[in-house]
Protein backbone atom coordinates (compact mmCIF):
# COMPACT_ATOMS: atom_id res chain seq x y z
CA UNK A 1 -12.44 -2.08 -4.85
CA UNK A 2 -9.85 -4.73 -3.96
CA UNK A 3 -8.11 -5.28 -0.63
CA UNK A 4 -4.81 -7.07 0.11
CA UNK A 5 -2.45 -7.34 3.09
CA UNK A 6 1.03 -5.86 2.66
CA UNK A 7 4.16 -5.69 4.75
CA UNK A 8 6.27 -2.52 4.48
CA UNK A 9 8.38 -2.76 7.61
CA UNK A 10 11.50 -0.81 6.56
CA UNK A 11 12.40 2.62 5.18
CA UNK A 12 13.55 1.14 1.85
CA UNK A 13 10.35 -0.88 1.50
CA UNK A 14 8.24 2.23 2.14
CA UNK A 15 10.13 4.23 -0.51
CA UNK A 16 9.84 1.42 -3.09
CA UNK A 17 6.16 0.88 -2.24
CA UNK A 18 5.29 4.56 -2.75
CA UNK A 19 7.36 4.78 -5.95
CA UNK A 20 5.40 1.86 -7.41
CA UNK A 21 2.01 3.30 -6.46
CA UNK A 22 2.77 6.77 -7.82
CA UNK A 23 3.02 5.24 -11.30
CA UNK A 24 -0.73 4.60 -11.18
CA UNK A 25 -3.50 7.22 -11.37
CA UNK A 26 -5.89 5.41 -9.04
CA UNK A 27 -6.53 6.01 -5.36
CA UNK A 28 -4.96 3.72 -2.78
CA UNK A 29 -5.55 3.64 0.97
CA UNK A 30 -3.70 1.92 3.78
CA UNK A 31 -5.89 0.78 6.67
CA UNK A 32 -4.42 0.02 10.07
CA UNK A 33 -6.91 -0.28 12.90
CA UNK A 34 -8.99 2.91 12.91
CA UNK A 35 -6.54 4.81 10.70
CA UNK A 36 -6.94 5.23 6.95
CA UNK A 37 -4.18 7.08 5.10
CA UNK A 38 -3.25 7.79 1.48
CA UNK A 39 -0.91 4.97 0.39
CA UNK A 40 1.03 7.41 -1.81
CA UNK A 41 2.01 9.51 1.22
CA UNK A 42 5.40 8.60 2.70
CA UNK A 43 4.76 10.73 5.79
CA UNK A 44 1.34 9.15 6.25
CA UNK A 45 2.80 5.64 6.03
CA UNK A 46 5.39 6.45 8.69
CA UNK A 47 2.55 7.44 11.05
CA UNK A 48 1.37 3.80 11.06
CA UNK A 49 2.70 0.83 13.03
CA UNK A 50 4.88 -0.75 10.34
CA UNK A 51 5.74 -3.79 12.44
CA UNK A 52 2.27 -5.15 11.62
CA UNK A 53 0.80 -6.16 8.26
CA UNK A 54 -1.33 -3.37 6.78
CA UNK A 55 -4.38 -3.60 4.53
CA UNK A 56 -4.01 -1.92 1.12
CA UNK A 57 -7.29 -0.91 -0.49
CA UNK A 58 -7.13 -0.43 -4.27
CA UNK A 59 -10.07 1.77 -5.26
CA UNK A 60 -9.89 1.19 -9.05
CA UNK A 61 -10.77 -2.38 -10.02
CA UNK A 62 -9.51 -1.83 -13.58
CA UNK A 63 -5.94 -1.28 -12.33
CA UNK A 64 -6.00 -3.77 -9.47
CA UNK A 65 -4.44 -6.72 -11.34
CA UNK A 66 -1.50 -4.59 -12.54
CA UNK A 67 -0.99 -3.03 -9.12
CA UNK A 68 -1.03 -6.40 -7.36
CA UNK A 69 1.50 -7.78 -9.82
CA UNK A 70 3.77 -4.76 -9.26
CA UNK A 71 3.54 -5.17 -5.48
CA UNK A 72 4.29 -8.93 -5.33
CA UNK A 73 7.30 -8.40 -3.01
CA UNK A 74 5.13 -6.62 -0.42
CA UNK A 75 2.09 -8.89 -0.37
CA UNK A 76 1.60 -11.10 2.68
CA UNK A 77 0.75 -14.64 1.62
């Protein structure tokens, strides 16, 4: 399991983010406060406070390097 902070603060970013994650078979969660939602769910993402950075949890360590590379534009550094 790998965890990174991401910023998806616009409608276009959310759509691009979900499109990237759906290419992978693994499970991904977004954690914001007490809420944990499926990171492949557009509706779930819009239920979060997108003005804040959100923690992305990548469940499959084997795919994590590829996923992180694909999500470079969203990662908070």
